[in-house]
Amino acid sequence: MDTQTLTPAIWLRALDDPALRDLPFKIETNAYDQLVLSPHKPRHTFAQKRLTELLDARVEGEGVAYAELAVETSEGIKVPDVVWI
């Protein structure tokens, strides 16, 4: 399956845009294919790291915790703070 056929063009352009690479923002899209930028503070990043550590240490079975993994939804591309896969 070609992921580029499923992924909105606006998201692919954002991934390729050098001006968006080092922003201190979470970048998502909404249901209208608009980019949504959400700034966060350093304490947010510290909390994400702690949550991923706790998930990795305490959840039994196969899987890994990740911070800010892009997920395609019916409402656009969302970037949850922490996910378990």
Protein backbone atom coordinates (compact mmCIF):
# COMPACT_ATOMS: atom_id res chain seq x y z
CA MET A 1 0.00 0.00 0.00
CA ASP A 2 1.39 3.42 -0.97
CA THR A 3 1.09 5.71 2.05
CA GLN A 4 1.35 8.80 -0.13
CA THR A 5 -2.02 7.98 -1.71
CA LEU A 6 -3.61 7.95 1.77
CA THR A 7 -1.80 10.92 3.28
CA PRO A 8 -3.16 14.42 2.63
CA ALA A 9 -1.00 16.50 0.31
CA ILE A 10 -0.76 19.30 2.89
CA TRP A 11 0.92 16.88 5.33
CA LEU A 12 3.43 15.69 2.73
CA ARG A 13 4.28 19.32 1.87
CA ALA A 14 4.74 20.11 5.57
CA LEU A 15 7.12 17.16 5.98
CA ASP A 16 9.21 18.37 3.05
CA ASP A 17 9.23 22.08 4.03
CA PRO A 18 12.66 23.00 5.49
CA ALA A 19 11.12 26.00 7.28
CA LEU A 20 8.96 23.66 9.40
CA ARG A 21 11.66 21.16 10.41
CA ASP A 22 13.01 22.74 13.59
CA LEU A 23 9.98 24.54 14.97
CA PRO A 24 9.22 24.15 18.69
CA PHE A 25 5.65 23.24 17.73
CA LYS A 26 3.63 20.12 17.25
CA ILE A 27 2.32 20.15 13.66
CA GLU A 28 -1.01 18.51 12.85
CA THR A 29 -3.74 18.93 10.24
CA ASN A 30 -7.45 19.36 10.81
CA ALA A 31 -10.47 18.03 8.91
CA TYR A 32 -10.13 20.96 6.45
CA ASP A 33 -6.53 20.03 5.48
CA GLN A 34 -5.16 23.08 7.29
CA LEU A 35 -1.95 22.96 9.29
CA VAL A 36 -2.39 23.38 13.03
CA LEU A 37 0.67 24.40 15.08
CA SER A 38 0.61 23.77 18.82
CA PRO A 39 3.51 25.11 20.90
CA HIS A 40 4.52 23.30 24.05
CA LYS A 41 6.83 24.03 26.96
CA PRO A 42 9.87 21.97 28.05
CA ARG A 43 7.92 20.49 30.98
CA HIS A 44 5.58 18.94 28.39
CA THR A 45 8.55 17.11 26.84
CA PHE A 46 9.72 15.94 30.27
CA ALA A 47 6.25 14.54 30.99
CA GLN A 48 6.19 12.73 27.63
CA LYS A 49 9.53 11.09 28.37
CA ARG A 50 8.36 9.98 31.81
CA LEU A 51 5.11 8.56 30.37
CA THR A 52 6.96 6.59 27.68
CA GLU A 53 9.33 5.20 30.34
CA LEU A 54 6.40 4.17 32.55
CA LEU A 55 4.57 2.50 29.67
CA ASP A 56 7.68 0.61 28.56
CA ALA A 57 8.34 -0.53 32.14
CA ARG A 58 4.81 -1.48 33.20
CA VAL A 59 2.80 -2.61 30.18
CA GLU A 60 3.10 -6.35 29.67
CA GLY A 61 3.33 -7.94 26.27
CA GLU A 62 4.65 -6.81 22.94
CA GLY A 63 4.82 -3.11 22.25
CA VAL A 64 6.78 0.11 22.51
CA ALA A 65 5.86 3.60 23.70
CA TYR A 66 6.53 6.55 21.40
CA ALA A 67 6.21 10.30 21.84
CA GLU A 68 4.55 12.40 19.13
CA LEU A 69 3.98 9.79 16.45
CA ALA A 70 1.85 11.12 13.58
CA VAL A 71 -1.45 9.25 13.16
CA GLU A 72 -3.81 9.69 10.21
CA THR A 73 -7.45 10.02 11.35
CA SER A 74 -10.72 10.99 9.71
CA GLU A 75 -10.18 14.46 11.23
CA GLY A 76 -6.68 14.92 9.78
CA ILE A 77 -3.18 14.06 10.93
CA LYS A 78 -2.98 14.05 14.73
CA VAL A 79 0.13 13.79 16.87
CA PRO A 80 -0.73 12.27 20.27
CA ASP A 81 1.62 13.17 23.11
CA VAL A 82 2.37 9.48 23.80
CA VAL A 83 1.24 6.28 22.05
CA TRP A 84 1.70 2.57 22.70
CA ILE A 85 2.24 0.40 19.63
